[in-house]
Amino acid sequence: LVGWRDFALSQPNSGHTALASLEKKGVVGVRFDEEDQFYLDTSHKHIVGSGNMSIITQNVDGLHLKGGAEFVTELHGRNDRLVCLNCGHHHCRHHFHDLLDDLNPEYLQPDALGSRGMLPDGDGDVEDQNLDMFIVPPCPRCSIGILKPDVVFFGDNVPRS
């Protein structure tokens, strides 16, 4: 409720759109099925998916895609997607926050959580207070799992795929 909505409103800047333009012109990126002679070790080809790779980023904001890039590898995941820690199913964070709003209307007021704004990682900076009544729904697929942003947190490993 605090942090995510502002984070989701972020827009690409001129750097994001410039990279997308260069990608479309074929100036950046490789097509692995055309570049076998360039790569001595092609064991990575099975994880590339489309066979194209242009932009490799550690950012989790999705701004390269919003800026028009098509072939983006997001090493640290995506903050607009949630993953269930039990069944691994992915969920849209926008829909989840709509559900949080519906379940917790008393927390929708801007000062309800004592928000001090958004932190650089997109989390809301809130005052310590009693959140015992705050309802966090389980995974809609398995009904028992906890959902977390589908990002690599400090100390986590980057997924192989």
Protein backbone atom coordinates (compact mmCIF):
# COMPACT_ATOMS: atom_id res chain seq x y z
CA LEU A 1 0.00 0.00 0.00
CA VAL A 2 2.88 2.33 0.73
CA GLY A 3 5.70 2.49 -1.76
CA TRP A 4 4.46 0.14 -4.48
CA ARG A 5 1.93 2.51 -6.05
CA ASP A 6 4.57 5.25 -6.43
CA PHE A 7 7.13 2.74 -7.67
CA ALA A 8 4.68 1.44 -10.28
CA LEU A 9 4.17 4.97 -11.64
CA SER A 10 7.86 5.28 -12.56
CA GLN A 11 8.43 6.07 -16.23
CA PRO A 12 11.40 5.35 -18.50
CA ASN A 13 13.88 8.13 -19.05
CA SER A 14 15.77 9.09 -22.20
CA GLY A 15 18.42 6.45 -21.50
CA HIS A 16 15.83 3.66 -21.54
CA THR A 17 14.26 4.87 -24.79
CA ALA A 18 17.67 5.43 -26.41
CA LEU A 19 18.67 1.82 -25.69
CA ALA A 20 15.35 0.60 -27.10
CA SER A 21 15.95 2.63 -30.25
CA LEU A 22 19.46 1.20 -30.63
CA GLU A 23 18.07 -2.29 -30.13
CA LYS A 24 15.49 -1.80 -32.89
CA LYS A 25 18.22 -0.56 -35.24
CA GLY A 26 20.31 -3.65 -34.46
CA VAL A 27 23.13 -1.60 -32.95
CA VAL A 28 23.03 -3.35 -29.57
CA GLY A 29 22.40 -7.00 -28.85
CA VAL A 30 23.21 -10.34 -30.34
CA ARG A 31 21.20 -13.06 -31.98
CA PHE A 32 22.74 -16.27 -30.72
CA ASP A 33 21.76 -18.45 -33.65
CA GLU A 34 23.64 -16.03 -35.94
CA GLU A 35 26.67 -15.54 -33.70
CA ASP A 36 27.86 -19.10 -33.03
CA GLN A 37 31.27 -18.31 -34.48
CA PHE A 38 31.60 -15.42 -32.01
CA TYR A 39 30.99 -17.55 -28.94
CA LEU A 40 33.42 -20.36 -28.24
CA ASP A 41 31.10 -21.77 -25.57
CA THR A 42 27.46 -21.99 -26.66
CA SER A 43 26.25 -23.94 -23.60
CA HIS A 44 24.26 -20.88 -22.51
CA LYS A 45 21.96 -20.97 -25.57
CA HIS A 46 19.27 -23.04 -23.85
CA ILE A 47 18.57 -20.29 -21.30
CA VAL A 48 18.27 -17.40 -23.75
CA GLY A 49 14.74 -18.25 -24.84
CA SER A 50 14.14 -16.33 -28.05
CA GLY A 51 17.78 -16.49 -29.07
CA ASN A 52 18.03 -12.71 -28.76
CA MET A 53 19.66 -10.67 -26.06
CA SER A 54 20.09 -6.91 -26.05
CA ILE A 55 19.93 -5.43 -22.60
CA ILE A 56 21.08 -7.15 -19.45
CA THR A 57 20.05 -5.27 -16.33
CA GLN A 58 20.09 -5.70 -12.57
CA ASN A 59 17.21 -3.22 -12.28
CA VAL A 60 13.85 -4.61 -11.17
CA ASP A 61 11.72 -1.66 -12.30
CA GLY A 62 10.81 -2.89 -15.80
CA LEU A 63 11.66 0.50 -17.29
CA HIS A 64 13.66 -0.97 -20.18
CA LEU A 65 10.53 -2.82 -21.32
CA LYS A 66 8.33 0.24 -20.71
CA GLY A 67 10.85 2.22 -22.76
CA GLY A 68 10.30 -0.03 -25.75
CA ALA A 69 13.11 -2.59 -25.54
CA GLU A 70 12.05 -6.06 -26.60
CA PHE A 71 14.87 -8.36 -25.54
CA VAL A 72 15.67 -7.62 -21.90
CA THR A 73 17.28 -9.99 -19.42
CA GLU A 74 16.32 -8.89 -15.92
CA LEU A 75 18.95 -10.61 -13.76
CA HIS A 76 17.40 -9.64 -10.44
CA GLY A 77 13.77 -10.22 -11.41
CA ARG A 78 10.77 -7.96 -11.66
CA ASN A 79 9.16 -5.93 -8.91
CA ASP A 80 5.78 -5.89 -10.68
CA ARG A 81 5.43 -9.65 -10.32
CA LEU A 82 4.99 -11.76 -7.18
CA VAL A 83 6.01 -15.38 -6.68
CA CYS A 84 4.50 -17.84 -4.23
CA LEU A 85 7.09 -19.26 -1.84
CA ASN A 86 5.11 -22.51 -1.66
CA CYS A 87 4.04 -23.41 -5.23
CA GLY A 88 6.21 -21.01 -7.28
CA HIS A 89 3.27 -19.59 -9.23
CA HIS A 90 3.65 -16.00 -10.46
CA HIS A 91 1.05 -13.32 -9.79
CA CYS A 92 0.52 -9.75 -10.95
CA ARG A 93 1.50 -7.32 -8.22
CA HIS A 94 -1.05 -4.74 -9.41
CA HIS A 95 -3.88 -7.22 -8.88
CA PHE A 96 -2.50 -8.25 -5.49
CA HIS A 97 -2.40 -4.64 -4.31
CA ASP A 98 -5.97 -4.12 -5.51
CA LEU A 99 -6.91 -7.09 -3.31
CA LEU A 100 -4.93 -5.63 -0.37
CA ASP A 101 -6.85 -2.37 -0.84
CA ASP A 102 -10.17 -4.23 -0.78
CA LEU A 103 -9.23 -6.23 2.34
CA ASN A 104 -7.68 -3.30 4.23
CA PRO A 105 -9.63 -0.12 3.40
CA GLU A 106 -8.73 1.49 6.73
CA TYR A 107 -5.08 1.59 5.64
CA LEU A 108 -5.71 3.46 2.38
CA GLN A 109 -5.51 6.94 3.87
CA PRO A 110 -2.13 8.52 3.05
CA ASP A 111 -1.23 8.90 6.72
CA ALA A 112 -2.81 5.64 7.95
CA LEU A 113 0.56 3.89 8.16
CA GLY A 114 2.51 6.98 9.14
CA SER A 115 4.29 6.89 5.80
CA ARG A 116 7.53 8.78 5.49
CA GLY A 117 7.72 8.18 1.73
CA MET A 118 9.27 5.62 -0.55
CA LEU A 119 12.71 4.16 -0.02
CA PRO A 120 15.12 3.74 -2.98
CA ASP A 121 14.18 0.05 -3.31
CA GLY A 122 10.48 0.91 -3.69
CA ASP A 123 9.48 -0.14 -0.18
CA GLY A 124 7.37 2.20 1.86
CA ASP A 125 8.98 3.77 4.89
CA VAL A 126 6.37 3.45 7.64
CA GLU A 127 6.35 4.08 11.36
CA ASP A 128 6.36 1.11 13.69
CA GLN A 129 2.83 0.47 14.81
CA ASN A 130 0.32 -2.26 15.46
CA LEU A 131 -0.53 -4.00 12.16
CA ASP A 132 -2.27 -6.99 13.77
CA MET A 133 -5.48 -6.23 11.87
CA PHE A 134 -3.78 -5.94 8.47
CA ILE A 135 -4.90 -8.81 6.21
CA VAL A 136 -2.38 -10.38 3.83
CA PRO A 137 -4.06 -12.98 1.64
CA PRO A 138 -2.33 -16.24 0.76
CA CYS A 139 -1.47 -17.36 -2.76
CA PRO A 140 -4.67 -17.58 -4.80
CA ARG A 141 -3.43 -20.73 -6.52
CA CYS A 142 -2.34 -22.98 -3.63
CA SER A 143 -4.18 -21.09 -0.84
CA ILE A 144 -1.33 -21.50 1.67
CA GLY A 145 1.76 -19.85 0.22
CA ILE A 146 3.15 -16.43 1.00
CA LEU A 147 3.70 -14.10 -1.95
CA LYS A 148 6.87 -12.04 -2.27
CA PRO A 149 8.17 -9.77 -5.01
CA ASP A 150 9.86 -11.85 -7.72
CA VAL A 151 13.22 -10.19 -7.18
CA VAL A 152 16.63 -11.25 -5.91
CA PHE A 153 17.08 -9.78 -2.46
CA PHE A 154 20.47 -9.07 -0.90
CA GLY A 155 22.11 -12.39 -0.08
CA ASP A 156 19.87 -14.41 -2.46
CA ASN A 157 21.20 -16.21 -5.50
CA VAL A 158 20.32 -15.18 -9.04
CA PRO A 159 18.10 -17.91 -10.55
CA ARG A 160 19.69 -20.10 -13.22
CA SER A 161 16.88 -19.44 -15.69
